[in-house]
Amino acid sequence: MYDHLSMPVRWTLGAIVLLLAVATAVVWRMRRRQPNRDLNELSLRIKTWWMIVGLFGFVLSISSTAAIVFLAFVSFLGLKEFLSIVPTRRADRRVMFWAYLAIPIQYWLVASQWYGMFIIFIPIYMFMWLPTRMVTIGETDGFLKAIGTLHWGLMTTVFSLSHAAYLLVFEPSATARVAHHWNSAETGDVLAGPGLLVMLVLLTQLNDVAQYCWGKTLGNRRIAPTVSPGKTLAGAVGGVATTVAVAGLIGPWISFFDLTRSILVGLVVGLGGIAGDLSISALKRDLGVKDSGFSLPGHGGVLDRVDSLTYTAPLFFHFVYYCYG
């Protein structure tokens, strides 16, 4: 069941579980020492993290195909939440069918390793087909807003997130295999992809947590007060610095990145995570909602949890593809 995962990936997943166990123990201790303190939200967040980490680790341990199906389901939930909070016309419901149908097609292209079609299916073919189908319905009032909304949701929740799934089937070039000793004859069925995916998700989520912690500790100067009042300059700088440091530490160990590229990818994820988070925050503020949903207690909805990943996944993937593809 775990044979396709390298030992560093297993150790990393184990370390994440250990950190969650420590966090759970700390909250339990705080409840005992400060019974009047409201720790419900923090407790809910940690319980939800247990669910997320457990499910993610389970499907990843089964096979890359299982993980791809899981990520496709995450895209489905993200698009569903997006379309539930964005006002749509009655006529658009028939077009939404095609948007949802794009999800299994896009992830089938991932599983098939058909990179040429994967990279253009949504940005080109769905970009042309959706407005064509919308035009045939005959509803022209609000056309631009409707099609722009649908395209933005599809690009964000499906196309962007599918880059994370493609890491699972990514095969480094022969040069990269030789340079980093990633030789299938030596590693058997161990794949490079799970390590890349774990690194991406870990750095992205760590970046969010580190920004929050640094911002609460040192921050008071806001970087986007009208979009996300909680985002501070100290939080952003501290979060990016923490992400870069961790990337430099684990990159050469869990993947085929050398130290320099590990640091660079940490910088890419750190800055991209801020941009992704702010973009989804701007969307929710425009719509007048605090959270995109309630499916993840303490976190909001799926879209609230993967907001940073919508930017970091394609940035991370294309960095890998450029360096080692």
C-alpha atoms as a PDB file:
ATOM      1  CA  MET A   1       0.000   0.000   0.000  1.00  0.00           C
ATOM      2  CA  TYR A   2       2.857   2.394   0.759  1.00  0.00           C
ATOM      3  CA  ASP A   3       5.384   0.892  -1.654  1.00  0.00           C
ATOM      4  CA  HIS A   4       5.153   3.763  -4.148  1.00  0.00           C
ATOM      5  CA  LEU A   5       6.005   6.359  -1.483  1.00  0.00           C
ATOM      6  CA  SER A   6       9.618   7.184  -0.758  1.00  0.00           C
ATOM      7  CA  MET A   7      10.842   7.012   2.818  1.00  0.00           C
ATOM      8  CA  PRO A   8      11.176  10.832   3.110  1.00  0.00           C
ATOM      9  CA  VAL A   9       7.505  11.194   2.104  1.00  0.00           C
ATOM     10  CA  ARG A  10       6.461   8.690   4.775  1.00  0.00           C
ATOM     11  CA  TRP A  11       8.554  10.453   7.398  1.00  0.00           C
ATOM     12  CA  THR A  12       7.110  13.840   6.379  1.00  0.00           C
ATOM     13  CA  LEU A  13       3.538  12.593   6.686  1.00  0.00           C
ATOM     14  CA  GLY A  14       4.432  11.088  10.045  1.00  0.00           C
ATOM     15  CA  ALA A  15       5.933  14.393  11.201  1.00  0.00           C
ATOM     16  CA  ILE A  16       2.734  16.229  10.245  1.00  0.00           C
ATOM     17  CA  VAL A  17       0.682  13.763  12.296  1.00  0.00           C
ATOM     18  CA  LEU A  18       3.065  14.284  15.219  1.00  0.00           C
ATOM     19  CA  LEU A  19       2.664  18.070  14.999  1.00  0.00           C
ATOM     20  CA  LEU A  20      -1.107  17.682  15.036  1.00  0.00           C
ATOM     21  CA  ALA A  21      -0.851  15.430  18.071  1.00  0.00           C
ATOM     22  CA  VAL A  22       1.252  18.067  19.856  1.00  0.00           C
ATOM     23  CA  ALA A  23      -1.233  20.803  18.910  1.00  0.00           C
ATOM     24  CA  THR A  24      -4.110  18.682  20.213  1.00  0.00           C
ATOM     25  CA  ALA A  25      -2.283  18.110  23.481  1.00  0.00           C
ATOM     26  CA  VAL A  26      -1.511  21.821  23.856  1.00  0.00           C
ATOM     27  CA  VAL A  27      -5.164  22.790  23.362  1.00  0.00           C
ATOM     28  CA  TRP A  28      -6.245  20.117  25.846  1.00  0.00           C
ATOM     29  CA  ARG A  29      -3.743  21.496  28.346  1.00  0.00           C
ATOM     30  CA  MET A  30      -4.958  25.064  27.771  1.00  0.00           C
ATOM     31  CA  ARG A  31      -8.550  23.975  28.405  1.00  0.00           C
ATOM     32  CA  ARG A  32      -7.513  22.419  31.703  1.00  0.00           C
ATOM     33  CA  ARG A  33      -5.549  25.483  32.851  1.00  0.00           C
ATOM     34  CA  GLN A  34      -7.916  28.145  31.461  1.00  0.00           C
ATOM     35  CA  PRO A  35     -11.430  26.656  31.506  1.00  0.00           C
ATOM     36  CA  ASN A  36     -13.084  30.035  30.887  1.00  0.00           C
ATOM     37  CA  ARG A  37     -11.115  30.753  27.734  1.00  0.00           C
ATOM     38  CA  ASP A  38     -12.984  30.236  24.460  1.00  0.00           C
ATOM     39  CA  LEU A  39     -10.953  27.726  22.470  1.00  0.00           C
ATOM     40  CA  ASN A  40     -13.793  26.271  20.423  1.00  0.00           C
ATOM     41  CA  GLU A  41     -12.686  27.687  17.079  1.00  0.00           C
ATOM     42  CA  LEU A  42      -9.076  26.582  17.592  1.00  0.00           C
ATOM     43  CA  SER A  43     -10.254  23.133  18.640  1.00  0.00           C
ATOM     44  CA  LEU A  44     -12.489  22.885  15.559  1.00  0.00           C
ATOM     45  CA  ARG A  45      -9.610  23.909  13.302  1.00  0.00           C
ATOM     46  CA  ILE A  46      -7.350  21.213  14.696  1.00  0.00           C
ATOM     47  CA  LYS A  47     -10.073  18.540  14.442  1.00  0.00           C
ATOM     48  CA  THR A  48     -10.643  19.504  10.813  1.00  0.00           C
ATOM     49  CA  TRP A  49      -6.896  19.368  10.149  1.00  0.00           C
ATOM     50  CA  TRP A  50      -6.921  15.809  11.500  1.00  0.00           C
ATOM     51  CA  MET A  51      -9.630  14.950   8.975  1.00  0.00           C
ATOM     52  CA  ILE A  52      -7.828  16.681   6.080  1.00  0.00           C
ATOM     53  CA  VAL A  53      -4.420  15.191   6.829  1.00  0.00           C
ATOM     54  CA  GLY A  54      -5.860  11.736   7.473  1.00  0.00           C
ATOM     55  CA  LEU A  55      -7.849  11.679   4.242  1.00  0.00           C
ATOM     56  CA  PHE A  56      -5.017  13.166   2.187  1.00  0.00           C
ATOM     57  CA  GLY A  57      -2.460  10.741   3.602  1.00  0.00           C
ATOM     58  CA  PHE A  58      -4.808   7.777   3.119  1.00  0.00           C
ATOM     59  CA  VAL A  59      -5.565   8.377  -0.563  1.00  0.00           C
ATOM     60  CA  LEU A  60      -1.919   9.221  -1.272  1.00  0.00           C
ATOM     61  CA  SER A  61      -0.837   5.952   0.318  1.00  0.00           C
ATOM     62  CA  ILE A  62      -3.245   3.916  -1.834  1.00  0.00           C
ATOM     63  CA  SER A  63      -2.004   5.031  -5.244  1.00  0.00           C
ATOM     64  CA  SER A  64      -1.416   8.063  -7.409  1.00  0.00           C
ATOM     65  CA  THR A  65      -4.687   7.320  -9.217  1.00  0.00           C
ATOM     66  CA  ALA A  66      -6.620   7.452  -5.937  1.00  0.00           C
ATOM     67  CA  ALA A  67      -4.976  10.784  -5.105  1.00  0.00           C
ATOM     68  CA  ILE A  68      -5.885  12.178  -8.547  1.00  0.00           C
ATOM     69  CA  VAL A  69      -9.527  11.146  -8.044  1.00  0.00           C
ATOM     70  CA  PHE A  70      -9.476  12.786  -4.600  1.00  0.00           C
ATOM     71  CA  LEU A  71      -8.114  16.044  -6.032  1.00  0.00           C
ATOM     72  CA  ALA A  72     -10.764  15.929  -8.765  1.00  0.00           C
ATOM     73  CA  PHE A  73     -13.384  15.701  -6.009  1.00  0.00           C
ATOM     74  CA  VAL A  74     -11.785  18.715  -4.283  1.00  0.00           C
ATOM     75  CA  SER A  75     -12.084  20.637  -7.563  1.00  0.00           C
ATOM     76  CA  PHE A  76     -15.746  19.626  -7.787  1.00  0.00           C
ATOM     77  CA  LEU A  77     -16.421  20.866  -4.249  1.00  0.00           C
ATOM     78  CA  GLY A  78     -14.501  24.079  -4.932  1.00  0.00           C
ATOM     79  CA  LEU A  79     -16.428  24.820  -8.130  1.00  0.00           C
ATOM     80  CA  LYS A  80     -19.726  23.935  -6.439  1.00  0.00           C
ATOM     81  CA  GLU A  81     -18.993  26.359  -3.594  1.00  0.00           C
ATOM     82  CA  PHE A  82     -17.907  29.034  -6.041  1.00  0.00           C
ATOM     83  CA  LEU A  83     -21.108  28.755  -8.065  1.00  0.00           C
ATOM     84  CA  SER A  84     -23.196  28.697  -4.881  1.00  0.00           C
ATOM     85  CA  ILE A  85     -21.906  32.073  -3.653  1.00  0.00           C
ATOM     86  CA  VAL A  86     -21.702  33.842  -7.034  1.00  0.00           C
ATOM     87  CA  PRO A  87     -25.032  35.128  -8.403  1.00  0.00           C
ATOM     88  CA  THR A  88     -25.983  33.319 -11.609  1.00  0.00           C
ATOM     89  CA  ARG A  89     -28.834  33.531 -14.095  1.00  0.00           C
ATOM     90  CA  ARG A  90     -31.456  30.827 -14.464  1.00  0.00           C
ATOM     91  CA  ALA A  91     -30.339  30.332 -18.070  1.00  0.00           C
ATOM     92  CA  ASP A  92     -26.759  29.595 -16.948  1.00  0.00           C
ATOM     93  CA  ARG A  93     -27.714  26.325 -15.287  1.00  0.00           C
ATOM     94  CA  ARG A  94     -27.619  24.468 -18.586  1.00  0.00           C
ATOM     95  CA  VAL A  95     -24.125  25.822 -19.241  1.00  0.00           C
ATOM     96  CA  MET A  96     -22.913  24.828 -15.762  1.00  0.00           C
ATOM     97  CA  PHE A  97     -23.374  21.191 -16.763  1.00  0.00           C
ATOM     98  CA  TRP A  98     -20.482  21.591 -19.205  1.00  0.00           C
ATOM     99  CA  ALA A  99     -18.350  23.296 -16.582  1.00  0.00           C
ATOM    100  CA  TYR A 100     -18.824  20.357 -14.225  1.00  0.00           C
ATOM    101  CA  LEU A 101     -18.200  17.902 -17.066  1.00  0.00           C
ATOM    102  CA  ALA A 102     -14.815  19.556 -17.614  1.00  0.00           C
ATOM    103  CA  ILE A 103     -13.646  18.245 -14.217  1.00  0.00           C
ATOM    104  CA  PRO A 104     -13.479  14.495 -15.026  1.00  0.00           C
ATOM    105  CA  ILE A 105     -12.107  15.276 -18.487  1.00  0.00           C
ATOM    106  CA  GLN A 106      -9.350  17.510 -17.118  1.00  0.00           C
ATOM    107  CA  TYR A 107      -8.307  14.975 -14.489  1.00  0.00           C
ATOM    108  CA  TRP A 108      -8.493  12.125 -17.006  1.00  0.00           C
ATOM    109  CA  LEU A 109      -5.982  14.091 -19.068  1.00  0.00           C
ATOM    110  CA  VAL A 110      -3.828  14.264 -15.930  1.00  0.00           C
ATOM    111  CA  ALA A 111      -4.033  10.516 -15.309  1.00  0.00           C
ATOM    112  CA  SER A 112      -3.259   9.892 -18.995  1.00  0.00           C
ATOM    113  CA  GLN A 113      -0.213  12.187 -18.795  1.00  0.00           C
ATOM    114  CA  TRP A 114      -1.486  13.959 -21.921  1.00  0.00           C
ATOM    115  CA  TYR A 115       0.283  17.213 -21.152  1.00  0.00           C
ATOM    116  CA  GLY A 116      -0.383  18.856 -24.526  1.00  0.00           C
ATOM    117  CA  MET A 117      -4.170  18.632 -24.087  1.00  0.00           C
ATOM    118  CA  PHE A 118      -4.103  19.087 -20.310  1.00  0.00           C
ATOM    119  CA  ILE A 119      -2.557  22.528 -20.634  1.00  0.00           C
ATOM    120  CA  ILE A 120      -5.023  23.831 -23.254  1.00  0.00           C
ATOM    121  CA  PHE A 121      -8.313  22.002 -22.676  1.00  0.00           C
ATOM    122  CA  ILE A 122      -9.834  24.535 -20.256  1.00  0.00           C
ATOM    123  CA  PRO A 123      -8.029  27.765 -21.308  1.00  0.00           C
ATOM    124  CA  ILE A 124      -8.820  27.226 -24.998  1.00  0.00           C
ATOM    125  CA  TYR A 125     -11.490  24.617 -25.716  1.00  0.00           C
ATOM    126  CA  MET A 126     -13.746  25.328 -22.727  1.00  0.00           C
ATOM    127  CA  PHE A 127     -13.061  29.030 -23.208  1.00  0.00           C
ATOM    128  CA  MET A 128     -14.579  28.773 -26.696  1.00  0.00           C
ATOM    129  CA  TRP A 129     -17.324  26.220 -25.980  1.00  0.00           C
ATOM    130  CA  LEU A 130     -18.966  27.741 -22.887  1.00  0.00           C
ATOM    131  CA  PRO A 131     -19.857  31.107 -24.471  1.00  0.00           C
ATOM    132  CA  THR A 132     -20.947  29.313 -27.633  1.00  0.00           C
ATOM    133  CA  ARG A 133     -23.366  27.170 -25.613  1.00  0.00           C
ATOM    134  CA  MET A 134     -24.517  30.238 -23.662  1.00  0.00           C
ATOM    135  CA  VAL A 135     -25.241  32.127 -26.877  1.00  0.00           C
ATOM    136  CA  THR A 136     -27.418  29.301 -28.215  1.00  0.00           C
ATOM    137  CA  ILE A 137     -29.680  29.686 -25.178  1.00  0.00           C
ATOM    138  CA  GLY A 138     -30.482  33.192 -26.390  1.00  0.00           C
ATOM    139  CA  GLU A 139     -30.132  35.083 -23.104  1.00  0.00           C
ATOM    140  CA  THR A 140     -27.992  38.208 -23.746  1.00  0.00           C
ATOM    141  CA  ASP A 141     -28.699  40.248 -20.608  1.00  0.00           C
ATOM    142  CA  GLY A 142     -25.701  39.924 -18.294  1.00  0.00           C
ATOM    143  CA  PHE A 143     -23.838  37.770 -20.806  1.00  0.00           C
ATOM    144  CA  LEU A 144     -20.353  39.181 -20.130  1.00  0.00           C
ATOM    145  CA  LYS A 145     -20.673  38.952 -16.363  1.00  0.00           C
ATOM    146  CA  ALA A 146     -22.093  35.430 -16.540  1.00  0.00           C
ATOM    147  CA  ILE A 147     -19.459  33.975 -18.852  1.00  0.00           C
ATOM    148  CA  GLY A 148     -16.612  35.824 -17.122  1.00  0.00           C
ATOM    149  CA  THR A 149     -17.745  34.466 -13.749  1.00  0.00           C
ATOM    150  CA  LEU A 150     -17.982  30.911 -15.056  1.00  0.00           C
ATOM    151  CA  HIS A 151     -14.589  31.054 -16.754  1.00  0.00           C
ATOM    152  CA  TRP A 152     -12.908  32.509 -13.668  1.00  0.00           C
ATOM    153  CA  GLY A 153     -14.394  29.803 -11.457  1.00  0.00           C
ATOM    154  CA  LEU A 154     -13.361  27.031 -13.840  1.00  0.00           C
ATOM    155  CA  MET A 155      -9.820  28.351 -14.193  1.00  0.00           C
ATOM    156  CA  THR A 156      -9.429  28.794 -10.437  1.00  0.00           C
ATOM    157  CA  THR A 157     -11.002  25.678  -9.000  1.00  0.00           C
ATOM    158  CA  VAL A 158     -10.315  23.174 -11.785  1.00  0.00           C
ATOM    159  CA  PHE A 159      -7.497  24.214 -14.092  1.00  0.00           C
ATOM    160  CA  SER A 160      -5.246  25.668 -11.392  1.00  0.00           C
ATOM    161  CA  LEU A 161      -5.819  22.865  -8.873  1.00  0.00           C
ATOM    162  CA  SER A 162      -5.314  20.167 -11.510  1.00  0.00           C
ATOM    163  CA  HIS A 163      -1.659  21.222 -11.692  1.00  0.00           C
ATOM    164  CA  ALA A 164      -1.239  19.763  -8.206  1.00  0.00           C
ATOM    165  CA  ALA A 165      -2.597  16.441  -9.491  1.00  0.00           C
ATOM    166  CA  TYR A 166      -0.260  16.466 -12.484  1.00  0.00           C
ATOM    167  CA  LEU A 167       2.707  16.456 -10.092  1.00  0.00           C
ATOM    168  CA  LEU A 168       1.739  12.876  -9.231  1.00  0.00           C
ATOM    169  CA  VAL A 169       2.430  11.667 -12.770  1.00  0.00           C
ATOM    170  CA  PHE A 170       5.293  14.028 -13.533  1.00  0.00           C
ATOM    171  CA  GLU A 171       8.385  12.235 -14.775  1.00  0.00           C
ATOM    172  CA  PRO A 172      11.699  14.115 -14.463  1.00  0.00           C
ATOM    173  CA  SER A 173      13.990  14.166 -17.440  1.00  0.00           C
ATOM    174  CA  ALA A 174      16.838  11.666 -17.768  1.00  0.00           C
ATOM    175  CA  THR A 175      19.284  14.439 -16.839  1.00  0.00           C
ATOM    176  CA  ALA A 176      17.442  15.135 -13.596  1.00  0.00           C
ATOM    177  CA  ARG A 177      17.306  11.433 -12.751  1.00  0.00           C
ATOM    178  CA  VAL A 178      21.050  11.045 -13.194  1.00  0.00           C
ATOM    179  CA  ALA A 179      21.922  14.280 -11.405  1.00  0.00           C
ATOM    180  CA  HIS A 180      19.757  13.442  -8.380  1.00  0.00           C
ATOM    181  CA  HIS A 181      20.106   9.644  -8.420  1.00  0.00           C
ATOM    182  CA  TRP A 182      16.364   9.208  -9.040  1.00  0.00           C
ATOM    183  CA  ASN A 183      16.864   5.941 -10.842  1.00  0.00           C
ATOM    184  CA  SER A 184      13.901   3.601 -11.122  1.00  0.00           C
ATOM    185  CA  ALA A 185      16.303   0.636 -11.127  1.00  0.00           C
ATOM    186  CA  GLU A 186      17.447   1.692  -7.656  1.00  0.00           C
ATOM    187  CA  THR A 187      14.163   2.907  -6.222  1.00  0.00           C
ATOM    188  CA  GLY A 188      11.862   0.239  -7.619  1.00  0.00           C
ATOM    189  CA  ASP A 189       8.275   1.497  -7.749  1.00  0.00           C
ATOM    190  CA  VAL A 190       9.004   4.637  -5.722  1.00  0.00           C
ATOM    191  CA  LEU A 191       7.662   7.693  -7.562  1.00  0.00           C
ATOM    192  CA  ALA A 192       8.874  11.281  -7.529  1.00  0.00           C
ATOM    193  CA  GLY A 193       5.358  12.740  -7.790  1.00  0.00           C
ATOM    194  CA  PRO A 194       4.048  12.116  -4.246  1.00  0.00           C
ATOM    195  CA  GLY A 195       7.065  13.905  -2.795  1.00  0.00           C
ATOM    196  CA  LEU A 196       6.429  16.918  -5.030  1.00  0.00           C
ATOM    197  CA  LEU A 197       2.741  17.017  -4.098  1.00  0.00           C
ATOM    198  CA  VAL A 198       3.435  16.707  -0.371  1.00  0.00           C
ATOM    199  CA  MET A 199       6.038  19.461  -0.637  1.00  0.00           C
ATOM    200  CA  LEU A 200       3.618  21.765  -2.478  1.00  0.00           C
ATOM    201  CA  VAL A 201       0.729  21.228  -0.055  1.00  0.00           C
ATOM    202  CA  LEU A 202       2.948  21.405   3.028  1.00  0.00           C
ATOM    203  CA  LEU A 203       4.650  24.650   1.975  1.00  0.00           C
ATOM    204  CA  THR A 204       1.368  26.250   0.917  1.00  0.00           C
ATOM    205  CA  GLN A 205      -0.439  25.473   4.160  1.00  0.00           C
ATOM    206  CA  LEU A 206       2.631  26.285   6.251  1.00  0.00           C
ATOM    207  CA  ASN A 207       2.835  29.650   4.512  1.00  0.00           C
ATOM    208  CA  ASP A 208      -0.757  30.426   5.550  1.00  0.00           C
ATOM    209  CA  VAL A 209      -0.192  29.369   9.158  1.00  0.00           C
ATOM    210  CA  ALA A 210       3.157  31.174   9.429  1.00  0.00           C
ATOM    211  CA  GLN A 211       1.655  34.399   8.065  1.00  0.00           C
ATOM    212  CA  TYR A 212      -1.105  34.210  10.669  1.00  0.00           C
ATOM    213  CA  CYS A 213       1.313  33.534  13.536  1.00  0.00           C
ATOM    214  CA  TRP A 214       3.847  36.208  12.545  1.00  0.00           C
ATOM    215  CA  GLY A 215       1.062  38.695  11.925  1.00  0.00           C
ATOM    216  CA  LYS A 216      -0.490  38.088  15.349  1.00  0.00           C
ATOM    217  CA  THR A 217       2.905  38.314  17.041  1.00  0.00           C
ATOM    218  CA  LEU A 218       4.549  41.282  15.313  1.00  0.00           C
ATOM    219  CA  GLY A 219       2.165  42.722  12.766  1.00  0.00           C
ATOM    220  CA  ASN A 220       0.144  45.898  12.832  1.00  0.00           C
ATOM    221  CA  ARG A 221       0.803  47.391   9.391  1.00  0.00           C
ATOM    222  CA  ARG A 222      -1.780  46.016   6.987  1.00  0.00           C
ATOM    223  CA  ILE A 223      -0.855  45.345   3.377  1.00  0.00           C
ATOM    224  CA  ALA A 224      -4.413  45.194   1.957  1.00  0.00           C
ATOM    225  CA  PRO A 225      -6.784  46.594   4.597  1.00  0.00           C
ATOM    226  CA  THR A 226      -9.811  46.827   2.291  1.00  0.00           C
ATOM    227  CA  VAL A 227      -9.379  43.244   1.055  1.00  0.00           C
ATOM    228  CA  SER A 228      -8.055  41.286   4.024  1.00  0.00           C
ATOM    229  CA  PRO A 229      -7.636  43.308   7.244  1.00  0.00           C
ATOM    230  CA  GLY A 230      -5.793  40.428   8.886  1.00  0.00           C
ATOM    231  CA  LYS A 231      -2.935  40.483   6.355  1.00  0.00           C
ATOM    232  CA  THR A 232       0.016  42.407   7.763  1.00  0.00           C
ATOM    233  CA  LEU A 233       3.444  43.224   6.401  1.00  0.00           C
ATOM    234  CA  ALA A 234       5.145  41.363   9.242  1.00  0.00           C
ATOM    235  CA  GLY A 235       2.936  38.360   8.618  1.00  0.00           C
ATOM    236  CA  ALA A 236       3.702  38.352   4.893  1.00  0.00           C
ATOM    237  CA  VAL A 237       7.468  38.740   5.350  1.00  0.00           C
ATOM    238  CA  GLY A 238       7.599  36.256   8.214  1.00  0.00           C
ATOM    239  CA  GLY A 239       5.444  33.744   6.359  1.00  0.00           C
ATOM    240  CA  VAL A 240       7.521  33.896   3.184  1.00  0.00           C
ATOM    241  CA  ALA A 241      10.775  33.675   5.163  1.00  0.00           C
ATOM    242  CA  THR A 242       9.493  30.643   7.084  1.00  0.00           C
ATOM    243  CA  THR A 243       8.338  28.971   3.874  1.00  0.00           C
ATOM    244  CA  VAL A 244      11.703  29.587   2.193  1.00  0.00           C
ATOM    245  CA  ALA A 245      13.566  28.187   5.203  1.00  0.00           C
ATOM    246  CA  VAL A 246      11.452  25.028   5.373  1.00  0.00           C
ATOM    247  CA  ALA A 247      11.656  24.567   1.598  1.00  0.00           C
ATOM    248  CA  GLY A 248      15.453  24.757   1.772  1.00  0.00           C
ATOM    249  CA  LEU A 249      15.427  22.207   4.575  1.00  0.00           C
ATOM    250  CA  ILE A 250      13.105  19.571   3.109  1.00  0.00           C
ATOM    251  CA  GLY A 251      13.423  20.181  -0.640  1.00  0.00           C
ATOM    252  CA  PRO A 252      16.665  18.247  -1.255  1.00  0.00           C
ATOM    253  CA  TRP A 253      15.408  15.489   1.036  1.00  0.00           C
ATOM    254  CA  ILE A 254      11.828  14.869  -0.134  1.00  0.00           C
ATOM    255  CA  SER A 255      12.309  15.688  -3.835  1.00  0.00           C
ATOM    256  CA  PHE A 256      15.000  16.045  -6.500  1.00  0.00           C
ATOM    257  CA  PHE A 257      15.396  19.815  -5.875  1.00  0.00           C
ATOM    258  CA  ASP A 258      18.888  21.012  -5.053  1.00  0.00           C
ATOM    259  CA  LEU A 259      19.293  23.603  -2.285  1.00  0.00           C
ATOM    260  CA  THR A 260      19.182  26.638  -4.583  1.00  0.00           C
ATOM    261  CA  ARG A 261      16.026  25.541  -6.365  1.00  0.00           C
ATOM    262  CA  SER A 262      14.425  24.495  -3.083  1.00  0.00           C
ATOM    263  CA  ILE A 263      14.894  28.030  -1.784  1.00  0.00           C
ATOM    264  CA  LEU A 264      13.571  29.515  -5.031  1.00  0.00           C
ATOM    265  CA  VAL A 265      10.484  27.307  -4.980  1.00  0.00           C
ATOM    266  CA  GLY A 266       9.888  28.328  -1.357  1.00  0.00           C
ATOM    267  CA  LEU A 267       9.920  31.959  -2.473  1.00  0.00           C
ATOM    268  CA  VAL A 268       7.543  31.183  -5.344  1.00  0.00           C
ATOM    269  CA  VAL A 269       5.102  29.390  -3.044  1.00  0.00           C
ATOM    270  CA  GLY A 270       5.328  32.078  -0.369  1.00  0.00           C
ATOM    271  CA  LEU A 271       4.553  34.971  -2.700  1.00  0.00           C
ATOM    272  CA  GLY A 272       2.032  32.995  -4.774  1.00  0.00           C
ATOM    273  CA  GLY A 273       0.183  31.926  -1.637  1.00  0.00           C
ATOM    274  CA  ILE A 274      -0.303  35.538  -0.570  1.00  0.00           C
ATOM    275  CA  ALA A 275      -1.646  36.466  -4.014  1.00  0.00           C
ATOM    276  CA  GLY A 276      -4.044  33.512  -4.100  1.00  0.00           C
ATOM    277  CA  ASP A 277      -5.364  34.188  -0.615  1.00  0.00           C
ATOM    278  CA  LEU A 278      -5.939  37.871  -1.366  1.00  0.00           C
ATOM    279  CA  SER A 279      -7.716  37.090  -4.649  1.00  0.00           C
ATOM    280  CA  ILE A 280     -10.247  34.789  -2.996  1.00  0.00           C
ATOM    281  CA  SER A 281     -10.609  37.283  -0.118  1.00  0.00           C
ATOM    282  CA  ALA A 282     -11.418  40.022  -2.646  1.00  0.00           C
ATOM    283  CA  LEU A 283     -14.011  37.740  -4.242  1.00  0.00           C
ATOM    284  CA  LYS A 284     -15.721  37.028  -0.924  1.00  0.00           C
ATOM    285  CA  ARG A 285     -15.625  40.704   0.100  1.00  0.00           C
ATOM    286  CA  ASP A 286     -17.193  41.698  -3.208  1.00  0.00           C
ATOM    287  CA  LEU A 287     -19.973  39.171  -2.635  1.00  0.00           C
ATOM    288  CA  GLY A 288     -20.391  40.119   1.016  1.00  0.00           C
ATOM    289  CA  VAL A 289     -19.653  36.667   2.454  1.00  0.00           C
ATOM    290  CA  LYS A 290     -17.176  35.729   5.181  1.00  0.00           C
ATOM    291  CA  ASP A 291     -16.646  32.097   4.172  1.00  0.00           C
ATOM    292  CA  SER A 292     -17.303  30.210   0.956  1.00  0.00           C
ATOM    293  CA  GLY A 293     -19.079  27.418   2.840  1.00  0.00           C
ATOM    294  CA  PHE A 294     -19.348  25.427   6.058  1.00  0.00           C
ATOM    295  CA  SER A 295     -18.050  22.021   5.022  1.00  0.00           C
ATOM    296  CA  LEU A 296     -14.816  22.377   7.030  1.00  0.00           C
ATOM    297  CA  PRO A 297     -15.603  23.418  10.627  1.00  0.00           C
ATOM    298  CA  GLY A 298     -13.281  26.152  11.840  1.00  0.00           C
ATOM    299  CA  HIS A 299     -11.989  26.801   8.315  1.00  0.00           C
ATOM    300  CA  GLY A 300     -15.117  27.652   6.349  1.00  0.00           C
ATOM    301  CA  GLY A 301     -15.480  25.920   3.020  1.00  0.00           C
ATOM    302  CA  VAL A 302     -13.197  23.999   0.691  1.00  0.00           C
ATOM    303  CA  LEU A 303     -12.507  27.155  -1.310  1.00  0.00           C
ATOM    304  CA  ASP A 304     -11.355  28.895   1.879  1.00  0.00           C
ATOM    305  CA  ARG A 305      -8.828  26.113   2.467  1.00  0.00           C
ATOM    306  CA  VAL A 306      -7.457  25.875  -1.090  1.00  0.00           C
ATOM    307  CA  ASP A 307      -7.439  29.606  -1.907  1.00  0.00           C
ATOM    308  CA  SER A 308      -3.639  29.875  -1.754  1.00  0.00           C
ATOM    309  CA  LEU A 309      -3.258  26.576  -3.629  1.00  0.00           C
ATOM    310  CA  THR A 310      -5.077  28.007  -6.644  1.00  0.00           C
ATOM    311  CA  TYR A 311      -1.970  30.139  -7.275  1.00  0.00           C
ATOM    312  CA  THR A 312       0.811  28.033  -5.802  1.00  0.00           C
ATOM    313  CA  ALA A 313      -0.123  24.802  -7.650  1.00  0.00           C
ATOM    314  CA  PRO A 314       0.421  26.118 -11.219  1.00  0.00           C
ATOM    315  CA  LEU A 315       3.430  28.214 -10.167  1.00  0.00           C
ATOM    316  CA  PHE A 316       5.056  25.254  -8.415  1.00  0.00           C
ATOM    317  CA  PHE A 317       4.268  22.866 -11.271  1.00  0.00           C
ATOM    318  CA  HIS A 318       5.689  25.066 -14.003  1.00  0.00           C
ATOM    319  CA  PHE A 319       8.804  25.746 -11.928  1.00  0.00           C
ATOM    320  CA  VAL A 320       9.305  21.977 -11.718  1.00  0.00           C
ATOM    321  CA  TYR A 321       8.487  21.510 -15.397  1.00  0.00           C
ATOM    322  CA  TYR A 322      10.903  24.248 -16.462  1.00  0.00           C
ATOM    323  CA  CYS A 323      13.757  22.929 -14.323  1.00  0.00           C
ATOM    324  CA  TYR A 324      13.295  19.180 -14.716  1.00  0.00           C
ATOM    325  CA  GLY A 325      10.761  18.493 -17.475  1.00  0.00           C
END
